[in-house]
Structure formats: structure tokens, C-alpha cells
Amino acid sequence: MNKNLDYFCKSIFPFMLKQLLSAIFVLSLFQVNAQQLLLLDRDHGNRIVNDSVVTVTSTDPEIIDLTMYFTMKNNTDQVLSLNLRKTVHMMADSTIDYFCFGIKCWPETDTTNYPDTLLPGAEDYTFASHVVHYRRFDMPPLPSGFSSITYTIYDDTSFPEPVEASVTVNYHHQSNVGINKKDIREALVYPNPATGIIHVISGDGFTGEANVKIFNSLGLMVKEFKGCADDGRLTIPVDELQTGCYFGRIENSEKEAITFRFIK
């Protein structure tokens, strides 16, 4: 009896365990391949990130745009008409988010409004997600900030049940630089989205000559404007700016500063 048990433990059981592990591995591959739409993390060797959480972090105060790049793969034999919707779980102070999908970028928008076509078996590299810490433009860095957003790519037109895949991205801005404790106010802007001009309402006590700097979503200064704040109001022409998200800083002769943001 003991010899039979010893033979089973040393010979038969390891073989059975090996076969079981092989079967589990094959089954896992089958399940991955069975997924109709794959989301791949381009920054980490195109690993599959369906229904998972990925994190992007920066401790550099000069890096204000945290970005994740994804590949979408159509794992079906039909054409997919893909849209995107996002669910914001948490946004850090003084940040703005946008995503690029298909042929354009979508600032401060929860869904796309026209589909991105993906042929059977094809891959698409146009999905990128961003969270921008806008108050770092030409300003002291802010304390650490954490944001979390879920992105769901879906096609609900061509199948009996919707084809979709989701990924959650955590963005962590970490500052290891001393913080300026002086409060910097944020002004009201209208119209927003902007057309030819914007009116910045800074509030009482902010008058006189002002220097205005406007930055795009990549942190590049695209316009510098000198004007005069009258009763806490400043009018700024923006007709030459392209469509996108913009952030600005206004400083008067007393070195008082306010910030503002708008979409064009």
C-alpha cells in the first residue's frame, strides 16, 4: 500500500498536475483569443489590459501631461464601429482630461459622437488618454494629485450583444518640489467654448495693466497678450487659436496672479 502511494506521489501525481496546468494555460489563451475586442498597453509591450487597471506616474514637475497609449484590436470576423465613453471616478485638483480616439481629440467630453471603423483582425493605434495638471504652466508645482478614469470602447450596432472592452487608468502627479503656499485664484471665462474672443472675469481688486499667457494642452505657450483689466474684467482675442484645450495665467503690475481655462 505504501509503495503504491509512494509511486502515485512521485510519478502519477506530478504528471497529472503538469497536464492540469497545461490545460489551464491553454484555456486562458482560448479565453483571451475569444475576446472580441482587445485593448493593448503600448507602453508595456502590448500586454492585454481588458478589464484591468493601469497606472501612469510622474514625479517631475515639468511633466504636466500624463498619457497612456493603447492599441485596439478587432478580434472578430466583422467590421466594428467603435465609440468611446469614459467614467470619471476621481479628478485631482487643477487638472483637466481629454482623450484622442480615431481622427481627433476630445476635450472634456464623456463620449465620442461618431465611430472609428476597425476592420476584422485589424489594429488601431489612435486611442490615447491624457490628464493634464494645468496649474503647473509657468507656476509653482502643486501637491500630489490622483485621478482615476475608466474608458470603455464599444460597438453596439453590428452584433446581437454589444462588443466592448474597458480599461481603468490611474494618473498620479507626484511633486517632490517645495510648494508655494500663496493662493492663486481661478477666473470665470465666457463664452466657453470660445469663438473669437473670451471675457475673463477676475473679480474685485484685480485691475490695471495685465500680462496674459495662454498655453495649449502640451504646455507650450501659444499666445502672450498685454491688456488692461477694467473692474476685474479682461477681454482677450483668441480667434487665431486652433481647436483644443487652453490654460492661461494673468499677472498684474502688483504681481497678483489668476488662472483660467477654456475650450475652443
C-alpha atoms as a PDB file:
ATOM      1  CA  MET A   1       0.000   0.000   0.000  1.00  0.00           C
ATOM      2  CA  ASN A   2       2.775   2.385   0.951  1.00  0.00           C
ATOM      3  CA  LYS A   3       4.663   1.533  -2.241  1.00  0.00           C
ATOM      4  CA  ASN A   4       1.608   2.310  -4.346  1.00  0.00           C
ATOM      5  CA  LEU A   5       1.090   5.630  -2.559  1.00  0.00           C
ATOM      6  CA  ASP A   6       4.745   6.472  -2.956  1.00  0.00           C
ATOM      7  CA  TYR A   7       4.585   5.648  -6.682  1.00  0.00           C
ATOM      8  CA  PHE A   8       1.466   7.799  -7.074  1.00  0.00           C
ATOM      9  CA  CYS A   9       3.056  10.779  -5.285  1.00  0.00           C
ATOM     10  CA  LYS A  10       6.335  10.585  -7.190  1.00  0.00           C
ATOM     11  CA  SER A  11       5.161   9.602 -10.668  1.00  0.00           C
ATOM     12  CA  ILE A  12       1.464   9.834 -11.369  1.00  0.00           C
ATOM     13  CA  PHE A  13       0.552  12.980  -9.378  1.00  0.00           C
ATOM     14  CA  PRO A  14       3.305  15.215 -10.910  1.00  0.00           C
ATOM     15  CA  PHE A  15       2.211  14.067 -14.374  1.00  0.00           C
ATOM     16  CA  MET A  16      -1.448  14.823 -13.626  1.00  0.00           C
ATOM     17  CA  LEU A  17      -0.520  18.227 -12.162  1.00  0.00           C
ATOM     18  CA  LYS A  18       1.533  19.075 -15.254  1.00  0.00           C
ATOM     19  CA  GLN A  19      -1.365  18.108 -17.519  1.00  0.00           C
ATOM     20  CA  LEU A  20      -3.792  20.184 -15.426  1.00  0.00           C
ATOM     21  CA  LEU A  21      -1.560  23.270 -15.554  1.00  0.00           C
ATOM     22  CA  SER A  22      -1.172  22.855 -19.306  1.00  0.00           C
ATOM     23  CA  ALA A  23      -4.926  22.649 -19.710  1.00  0.00           C
ATOM     24  CA  ILE A  24      -5.415  25.817 -17.614  1.00  0.00           C
ATOM     25  CA  PHE A  25      -2.816  27.641 -19.718  1.00  0.00           C
ATOM     26  CA  VAL A  26      -4.479  26.583 -22.972  1.00  0.00           C
ATOM     27  CA  LEU A  27      -7.879  27.565 -21.589  1.00  0.00           C
ATOM     28  CA  SER A  28      -6.565  31.005 -20.598  1.00  0.00           C
ATOM     29  CA  LEU A  29      -5.199  31.504 -24.105  1.00  0.00           C
ATOM     30  CA  PHE A  30      -8.527  30.456 -25.553  1.00  0.00           C
ATOM     31  CA  GLN A  31     -10.361  32.924 -23.330  1.00  0.00           C
ATOM     32  CA  VAL A  32      -8.039  35.769 -24.389  1.00  0.00           C
ATOM     33  CA  ASN A  33      -8.391  34.866 -28.046  1.00  0.00           C
ATOM     34  CA  ALA A  34     -12.159  34.606 -27.593  1.00  0.00           C
ATOM     35  CA  GLN A  35     -12.383  38.253 -26.541  1.00  0.00           C
ATOM     36  CA  GLN A  36     -13.944  40.134 -29.409  1.00  0.00           C
ATOM     37  CA  LEU A  37     -12.138  43.409 -28.774  1.00  0.00           C
ATOM     38  CA  LEU A  38      -8.672  43.641 -27.252  1.00  0.00           C
ATOM     39  CA  LEU A  39      -7.112  46.668 -25.586  1.00  0.00           C
ATOM     40  CA  LEU A  40      -3.307  46.533 -25.560  1.00  0.00           C
ATOM     41  CA  ASP A  41      -0.986  48.696 -23.462  1.00  0.00           C
ATOM     42  CA  ARG A  42       1.544  50.035 -25.986  1.00  0.00           C
ATOM     43  CA  ASP A  43       3.818  51.367 -23.223  1.00  0.00           C
ATOM     44  CA  HIS A  44       4.325  47.907 -21.725  1.00  0.00           C
ATOM     45  CA  GLY A  45       4.938  45.514 -24.589  1.00  0.00           C
ATOM     46  CA  ASN A  46       1.346  45.483 -25.902  1.00  0.00           C
ATOM     47  CA  ARG A  47       0.102  43.499 -22.931  1.00  0.00           C
ATOM     48  CA  ILE A  48      -3.649  42.883 -22.858  1.00  0.00           C
ATOM     49  CA  VAL A  49      -5.379  45.185 -20.355  1.00  0.00           C
ATOM     50  CA  ASN A  50      -9.071  44.340 -20.811  1.00  0.00           C
ATOM     51  CA  ASP A  51     -10.937  44.935 -17.525  1.00  0.00           C
ATOM     52  CA  SER A  52      -7.748  45.851 -15.694  1.00  0.00           C
ATOM     53  CA  VAL A  53      -6.184  48.898 -14.037  1.00  0.00           C
ATOM     54  CA  VAL A  54      -3.028  50.583 -15.311  1.00  0.00           C
ATOM     55  CA  THR A  55      -1.162  53.433 -13.648  1.00  0.00           C
ATOM     56  CA  VAL A  56       0.949  56.273 -15.010  1.00  0.00           C
ATOM     57  CA  THR A  57       3.005  58.348 -12.564  1.00  0.00           C
ATOM     58  CA  SER A  58       5.306  61.349 -12.725  1.00  0.00           C
ATOM     59  CA  THR A  59       7.468  62.959 -10.030  1.00  0.00           C
ATOM     60  CA  ASP A  60       8.881  65.503 -12.466  1.00  0.00           C
ATOM     61  CA  PRO A  61       7.237  68.936 -12.022  1.00  0.00           C
ATOM     62  CA  GLU A  62       7.986  69.694 -15.684  1.00  0.00           C
ATOM     63  CA  ILE A  63       5.852  66.743 -16.859  1.00  0.00           C
ATOM     64  CA  ILE A  64       2.316  68.013 -16.614  1.00  0.00           C
ATOM     65  CA  ASP A  65       0.623  65.728 -19.178  1.00  0.00           C
ATOM     66  CA  LEU A  66       0.287  62.107 -18.063  1.00  0.00           C
ATOM     67  CA  THR A  67      -0.578  59.950 -21.069  1.00  0.00           C
ATOM     68  CA  MET A  68      -1.373  56.305 -21.803  1.00  0.00           C
ATOM     69  CA  TYR A  69      -1.229  54.884 -25.330  1.00  0.00           C
ATOM     70  CA  PHE A  70      -3.358  51.907 -26.352  1.00  0.00           C
ATOM     71  CA  THR A  71      -3.817  49.633 -29.347  1.00  0.00           C
ATOM     72  CA  MET A  72      -7.323  48.400 -30.158  1.00  0.00           C
ATOM     73  CA  LYS A  73      -7.557  45.034 -31.929  1.00  0.00           C
ATOM     74  CA  ASN A  74     -10.672  43.726 -33.669  1.00  0.00           C
ATOM     75  CA  ASN A  75     -10.700  40.034 -32.779  1.00  0.00           C
ATOM     76  CA  THR A  76     -13.876  39.290 -34.751  1.00  0.00           C
ATOM     77  CA  ASP A  77     -14.637  38.499 -38.374  1.00  0.00           C
ATOM     78  CA  GLN A  78     -16.862  41.572 -38.743  1.00  0.00           C
ATOM     79  CA  VAL A  79     -16.275  45.298 -39.111  1.00  0.00           C
ATOM     80  CA  LEU A  80     -16.527  47.154 -35.801  1.00  0.00           C
ATOM     81  CA  SER A  81     -17.834  50.705 -35.490  1.00  0.00           C
ATOM     82  CA  LEU A  82     -16.182  51.784 -32.273  1.00  0.00           C
ATOM     83  CA  ASN A  83     -17.139  54.581 -29.924  1.00  0.00           C
ATOM     84  CA  LEU A  84     -15.734  55.521 -26.534  1.00  0.00           C
ATOM     85  CA  ARG A  85     -17.337  56.543 -23.274  1.00  0.00           C
ATOM     86  CA  LYS A  86     -15.500  57.494 -20.118  1.00  0.00           C
ATOM     87  CA  THR A  87     -16.402  57.302 -16.430  1.00  0.00           C
ATOM     88  CA  VAL A  88     -14.536  59.651 -14.106  1.00  0.00           C
ATOM     89  CA  HIS A  89     -14.054  58.204 -10.623  1.00  0.00           C
ATOM     90  CA  MET A  90     -11.754  60.900  -9.256  1.00  0.00           C
ATOM     91  CA  MET A  91     -10.012  64.007 -10.590  1.00  0.00           C
ATOM     92  CA  ALA A  92      -7.084  65.752  -8.923  1.00  0.00           C
ATOM     93  CA  ASP A  93      -7.257  69.444  -8.179  1.00  0.00           C
ATOM     94  CA  SER A  94      -6.346  71.724 -11.091  1.00  0.00           C
ATOM     95  CA  THR A  95      -6.364  69.019 -13.754  1.00  0.00           C
ATOM     96  CA  ILE A  96      -8.221  68.555 -16.991  1.00  0.00           C
ATOM     97  CA  ASP A  97      -8.610  65.362 -19.013  1.00  0.00           C
ATOM     98  CA  TYR A  98      -9.070  64.556 -22.670  1.00  0.00           C
ATOM     99  CA  PHE A  99      -8.693  61.545 -24.941  1.00  0.00           C
ATOM    100  CA  CYS A 100      -7.678  61.043 -28.557  1.00  0.00           C
ATOM    101  CA  PHE A 101      -9.696  58.477 -30.474  1.00  0.00           C
ATOM    102  CA  GLY A 102      -9.946  57.883 -34.179  1.00  0.00           C
ATOM    103  CA  ILE A 103      -9.056  61.012 -36.119  1.00  0.00           C
ATOM    104  CA  LYS A 104      -9.481  63.658 -33.396  1.00  0.00           C
ATOM    105  CA  CYS A 105      -9.040  64.528 -29.728  1.00  0.00           C
ATOM    106  CA  TRP A 106     -11.979  65.084 -27.389  1.00  0.00           C
ATOM    107  CA  PRO A 107     -11.505  67.646 -24.588  1.00  0.00           C
ATOM    108  CA  GLU A 108     -13.760  67.490 -21.522  1.00  0.00           C
ATOM    109  CA  THR A 109     -16.148  65.107 -23.285  1.00  0.00           C
ATOM    110  CA  ASP A 110     -17.673  61.920 -21.888  1.00  0.00           C
ATOM    111  CA  THR A 111     -18.385  60.212 -25.231  1.00  0.00           C
ATOM    112  CA  THR A 112     -17.473  60.312 -28.890  1.00  0.00           C
ATOM    113  CA  ASN A 113     -20.187  61.254 -31.349  1.00  0.00           C
ATOM    114  CA  TYR A 114     -19.078  59.368 -34.436  1.00  0.00           C
ATOM    115  CA  PRO A 115     -17.485  55.904 -34.747  1.00  0.00           C
ATOM    116  CA  ASP A 116     -13.973  54.765 -35.575  1.00  0.00           C
ATOM    117  CA  THR A 117     -14.184  51.881 -38.077  1.00  0.00           C
ATOM    118  CA  LEU A 118     -11.971  48.848 -37.426  1.00  0.00           C
ATOM    119  CA  LEU A 119     -11.782  46.014 -39.967  1.00  0.00           C
ATOM    120  CA  PRO A 120     -11.778  42.312 -38.979  1.00  0.00           C
ATOM    121  CA  GLY A 121      -8.441  41.312 -37.449  1.00  0.00           C
ATOM    122  CA  ALA A 122      -7.088  44.858 -37.750  1.00  0.00           C
ATOM    123  CA  GLU A 123      -5.368  47.012 -35.131  1.00  0.00           C
ATOM    124  CA  ASP A 124      -5.825  50.727 -34.451  1.00  0.00           C
ATOM    125  CA  TYR A 125      -3.214  52.852 -32.662  1.00  0.00           C
ATOM    126  CA  THR A 126      -5.226  56.055 -32.279  1.00  0.00           C
ATOM    127  CA  PHE A 127      -6.516  55.688 -28.691  1.00  0.00           C
ATOM    128  CA  ALA A 128      -4.597  57.766 -26.141  1.00  0.00           C
ATOM    129  CA  SER A 129      -5.778  59.122 -22.798  1.00  0.00           C
ATOM    130  CA  HIS A 130      -4.475  62.246 -21.041  1.00  0.00           C
ATOM    131  CA  VAL A 131      -4.752  64.041 -17.717  1.00  0.00           C
ATOM    132  CA  VAL A 132      -3.077  67.467 -17.645  1.00  0.00           C
ATOM    133  CA  HIS A 133      -2.064  69.254 -14.451  1.00  0.00           C
ATOM    134  CA  TYR A 134      -2.667  72.703 -15.903  1.00  0.00           C
ATOM    135  CA  ARG A 135      -1.635  74.904 -12.976  1.00  0.00           C
ATOM    136  CA  ARG A 136       1.974  73.859 -13.495  1.00  0.00           C
ATOM    137  CA  PHE A 137       2.188  76.049 -16.596  1.00  0.00           C
ATOM    138  CA  ASP A 138       4.633  78.794 -15.629  1.00  0.00           C
ATOM    139  CA  MET A 139       3.616  78.350 -11.973  1.00  0.00           C
ATOM    140  CA  PRO A 140       4.938  76.635  -8.860  1.00  0.00           C
ATOM    141  CA  PRO A 141       4.065  72.927  -8.745  1.00  0.00           C
ATOM    142  CA  LEU A 142       1.069  71.776  -6.748  1.00  0.00           C
ATOM    143  CA  PRO A 143       0.800  68.981  -4.177  1.00  0.00           C
ATOM    144  CA  SER A 144       0.409  65.420  -5.363  1.00  0.00           C
ATOM    145  CA  GLY A 145      -2.803  64.695  -7.230  1.00  0.00           C
ATOM    146  CA  PHE A 146      -4.548  61.425  -8.078  1.00  0.00           C
ATOM    147  CA  SER A 147      -7.075  60.885 -10.869  1.00  0.00           C
ATOM    148  CA  SER A 148      -8.861  57.723 -11.987  1.00  0.00           C
ATOM    149  CA  ILE A 149     -10.888  57.250 -15.189  1.00  0.00           C
ATOM    150  CA  THR A 150     -12.425  54.175 -16.846  1.00  0.00           C
ATOM    151  CA  TYR A 151     -12.562  54.117 -20.643  1.00  0.00           C
ATOM    152  CA  THR A 152     -14.984  51.769 -22.407  1.00  0.00           C
ATOM    153  CA  ILE A 153     -14.640  51.099 -26.143  1.00  0.00           C
ATOM    154  CA  TYR A 154     -17.812  49.632 -27.617  1.00  0.00           C
ATOM    155  CA  ASP A 155     -19.754  48.703 -30.738  1.00  0.00           C
ATOM    156  CA  ASP A 156     -23.490  48.285 -30.178  1.00  0.00           C
ATOM    157  CA  THR A 157     -24.579  48.289 -33.820  1.00  0.00           C
ATOM    158  CA  SER A 158     -23.376  45.102 -35.526  1.00  0.00           C
ATOM    159  CA  PHE A 159     -23.940  42.315 -33.022  1.00  0.00           C
ATOM    160  CA  PRO A 160     -26.831  40.836 -31.037  1.00  0.00           C
ATOM    161  CA  GLU A 161     -24.942  41.885 -27.889  1.00  0.00           C
ATOM    162  CA  PRO A 162     -22.642  44.911 -27.591  1.00  0.00           C
ATOM    163  CA  VAL A 163     -18.950  44.303 -28.218  1.00  0.00           C
ATOM    164  CA  GLU A 164     -16.959  46.255 -25.656  1.00  0.00           C
ATOM    165  CA  ALA A 165     -13.725  46.401 -23.695  1.00  0.00           C
ATOM    166  CA  SER A 166     -12.783  48.587 -20.740  1.00  0.00           C
ATOM    167  CA  VAL A 167      -9.615  49.753 -19.022  1.00  0.00           C
ATOM    168  CA  THR A 168      -9.168  51.957 -15.961  1.00  0.00           C
ATOM    169  CA  VAL A 169      -6.255  54.390 -15.893  1.00  0.00           C
ATOM    170  CA  ASN A 170      -4.924  55.879 -12.669  1.00  0.00           C
ATOM    171  CA  TYR A 171      -2.930  59.086 -13.104  1.00  0.00           C
ATOM    172  CA  HIS A 172      -0.662  60.167 -10.260  1.00  0.00           C
ATOM    173  CA  HIS A 173       1.040  63.568 -10.316  1.00  0.00           C
ATOM    174  CA  GLN A 174       3.631  63.479  -7.539  1.00  0.00           C
ATOM    175  CA  SER A 175       5.559  66.637  -6.702  1.00  0.00           C
ATOM    176  CA  ASN A 176       8.815  66.440  -4.753  1.00  0.00           C
ATOM    177  CA  VAL A 177       9.401  70.179  -5.001  1.00  0.00           C
ATOM    178  CA  GLY A 178       8.511  72.760  -2.366  1.00  0.00           C
ATOM    179  CA  ILE A 179       5.008  74.199  -2.703  1.00  0.00           C
ATOM    180  CA  ASN A 180       4.215  77.882  -2.936  1.00  0.00           C
ATOM    181  CA  LYS A 181       1.503  78.434  -0.340  1.00  0.00           C
ATOM    182  CA  LYS A 182       0.177  81.625  -1.922  1.00  0.00           C
ATOM    183  CA  ASP A 183      -3.338  81.101  -3.171  1.00  0.00           C
ATOM    184  CA  ILE A 184      -3.815  81.585  -6.909  1.00  0.00           C
ATOM    185  CA  ARG A 185      -7.418  82.249  -7.902  1.00  0.00           C
ATOM    186  CA  GLU A 186      -9.164  80.813 -10.923  1.00  0.00           C
ATOM    187  CA  ALA A 187     -11.241  83.212 -13.023  1.00  0.00           C
ATOM    188  CA  LEU A 188     -14.547  82.752 -14.815  1.00  0.00           C
ATOM    189  CA  VAL A 189     -14.411  82.662 -18.628  1.00  0.00           C
ATOM    190  CA  TYR A 190     -17.207  83.222 -21.136  1.00  0.00           C
ATOM    191  CA  PRO A 191     -18.154  82.257 -23.750  1.00  0.00           C
ATOM    192  CA  ASN A 192     -16.774  78.790 -23.143  1.00  0.00           C
ATOM    193  CA  PRO A 193     -16.321  77.110 -25.637  1.00  0.00           C
ATOM    194  CA  ALA A 194     -14.779  80.234 -27.103  1.00  0.00           C
ATOM    195  CA  THR A 195     -15.259  81.773 -30.524  1.00  0.00           C
ATOM    196  CA  GLY A 196     -13.390  84.950 -31.476  1.00  0.00           C
ATOM    197  CA  ILE A 197     -12.861  86.488 -28.037  1.00  0.00           C
ATOM    198  CA  ILE A 198     -13.144  85.485 -24.406  1.00  0.00           C
ATOM    199  CA  HIS A 199     -14.014  87.582 -21.381  1.00  0.00           C
ATOM    200  CA  VAL A 200     -12.084  86.719 -18.224  1.00  0.00           C
ATOM    201  CA  ILE A 201     -13.817  87.772 -15.001  1.00  0.00           C
ATOM    202  CA  SER A 202     -11.138  88.032 -12.335  1.00  0.00           C
ATOM    203  CA  GLY A 203     -13.157  89.591  -9.537  1.00  0.00           C
ATOM    204  CA  ASP A 204     -12.688  92.672  -7.368  1.00  0.00           C
ATOM    205  CA  GLY A 205      -9.239  94.083  -6.721  1.00  0.00           C
ATOM    206  CA  PHE A 206      -7.649  92.876  -9.945  1.00  0.00           C
ATOM    207  CA  THR A 207      -7.270  95.968 -12.134  1.00  0.00           C
ATOM    208  CA  GLY A 208      -4.716  97.806 -14.223  1.00  0.00           C
ATOM    209  CA  GLU A 209      -2.185  96.622 -16.769  1.00  0.00           C
ATOM    210  CA  ALA A 210      -2.018  92.838 -17.105  1.00  0.00           C
ATOM    211  CA  ASN A 211       0.226  90.339 -18.818  1.00  0.00           C
ATOM    212  CA  VAL A 212      -1.598  87.314 -20.196  1.00  0.00           C
ATOM    213  CA  LYS A 213      -0.032  83.991 -21.185  1.00  0.00           C
ATOM    214  CA  ILE A 214      -2.019  81.205 -22.831  1.00  0.00           C
ATOM    215  CA  PHE A 215      -0.770  77.614 -23.036  1.00  0.00           C
ATOM    216  CA  ASN A 216      -2.028  74.652 -25.031  1.00  0.00           C
ATOM    217  CA  SER A 217      -2.631  71.154 -23.629  1.00  0.00           C
ATOM    218  CA  LEU A 218       1.036  70.236 -24.195  1.00  0.00           C
ATOM    219  CA  GLY A 219       2.244  73.090 -22.025  1.00  0.00           C
ATOM    220  CA  LEU A 220       3.503  75.244 -24.891  1.00  0.00           C
ATOM    221  CA  MET A 221       2.827  78.971 -24.729  1.00  0.00           C
ATOM    222  CA  VAL A 222       0.800  79.863 -27.817  1.00  0.00           C
ATOM    223  CA  LYS A 223      -0.091  83.477 -27.060  1.00  0.00           C
ATOM    224  CA  GLU A 224       1.141  86.346 -24.914  1.00  0.00           C
ATOM    225  CA  PHE A 225      -1.080  89.378 -24.610  1.00  0.00           C
ATOM    226  CA  LYS A 226      -0.834  92.680 -22.750  1.00  0.00           C
ATOM    227  CA  GLY A 227      -4.097  94.295 -21.796  1.00  0.00           C
ATOM    228  CA  CYS A 228      -5.872  96.267 -19.141  1.00  0.00           C
ATOM    229  CA  ALA A 229      -8.157  94.747 -16.548  1.00  0.00           C
ATOM    230  CA  ASP A 230     -11.133  97.031 -16.016  1.00  0.00           C
ATOM    231  CA  ASP A 231     -13.313  96.333 -12.958  1.00  0.00           C
ATOM    232  CA  GLY A 232     -11.977  92.813 -12.777  1.00  0.00           C
ATOM    233  CA  ARG A 233     -12.765  92.073 -16.420  1.00  0.00           C
ATOM    234  CA  LEU A 234     -10.340  91.429 -19.281  1.00  0.00           C
ATOM    235  CA  THR A 235     -11.171  90.754 -22.939  1.00  0.00           C
ATOM    236  CA  ILE A 236      -8.747  88.552 -24.869  1.00  0.00           C
ATOM    237  CA  PRO A 237      -8.845  87.782 -28.636  1.00  0.00           C
ATOM    238  CA  VAL A 238      -8.433  84.050 -29.352  1.00  0.00           C
ATOM    239  CA  ASP A 239      -9.631  83.784 -32.942  1.00  0.00           C
ATOM    240  CA  GLU A 240      -6.194  82.673 -34.191  1.00  0.00           C
ATOM    241  CA  LEU A 241      -6.039  79.674 -31.831  1.00  0.00           C
ATOM    242  CA  GLN A 242      -6.757  76.184 -33.108  1.00  0.00           C
ATOM    243  CA  THR A 243      -9.409  73.900 -31.658  1.00  0.00           C
ATOM    244  CA  GLY A 244      -8.341  72.443 -28.309  1.00  0.00           C
ATOM    245  CA  CYS A 245      -7.968  72.933 -24.555  1.00  0.00           C
ATOM    246  CA  TYR A 246      -6.193  76.025 -23.272  1.00  0.00           C
ATOM    247  CA  PHE A 247      -4.997  77.273 -19.901  1.00  0.00           C
ATOM    248  CA  GLY A 248      -3.922  80.767 -19.007  1.00  0.00           C
ATOM    249  CA  ARG A 249      -2.300  82.953 -16.399  1.00  0.00           C
ATOM    250  CA  ILE A 250      -2.866  86.670 -15.868  1.00  0.00           C
ATOM    251  CA  GLU A 251      -0.483  88.737 -13.776  1.00  0.00           C
ATOM    252  CA  ASN A 252      -0.948  92.422 -12.956  1.00  0.00           C
ATOM    253  CA  SER A 253       1.607  95.065 -12.025  1.00  0.00           C
ATOM    254  CA  GLU A 254       1.279  94.096  -8.364  1.00  0.00           C
ATOM    255  CA  LYS A 255       2.403  90.560  -9.234  1.00  0.00           C
ATOM    256  CA  GLU A 256      -1.015  89.222  -8.307  1.00  0.00           C
ATOM    257  CA  ALA A 257      -1.944  86.231 -10.464  1.00  0.00           C
ATOM    258  CA  ILE A 258      -5.102  84.461 -11.560  1.00  0.00           C
ATOM    259  CA  THR A 259      -5.552  81.439 -13.791  1.00  0.00           C
ATOM    260  CA  PHE A 260      -8.254  80.492 -16.283  1.00  0.00           C
ATOM    261  CA  ARG A 261      -9.065  77.717 -18.722  1.00  0.00           C
ATOM    262  CA  PHE A 262     -11.245  77.392 -21.779  1.00  0.00           C
ATOM    263  CA  ILE A 263     -12.014  75.281 -24.834  1.00  0.00           C
ATOM    264  CA  LYS A 264     -12.069  76.496 -28.412  1.00  0.00           C
END
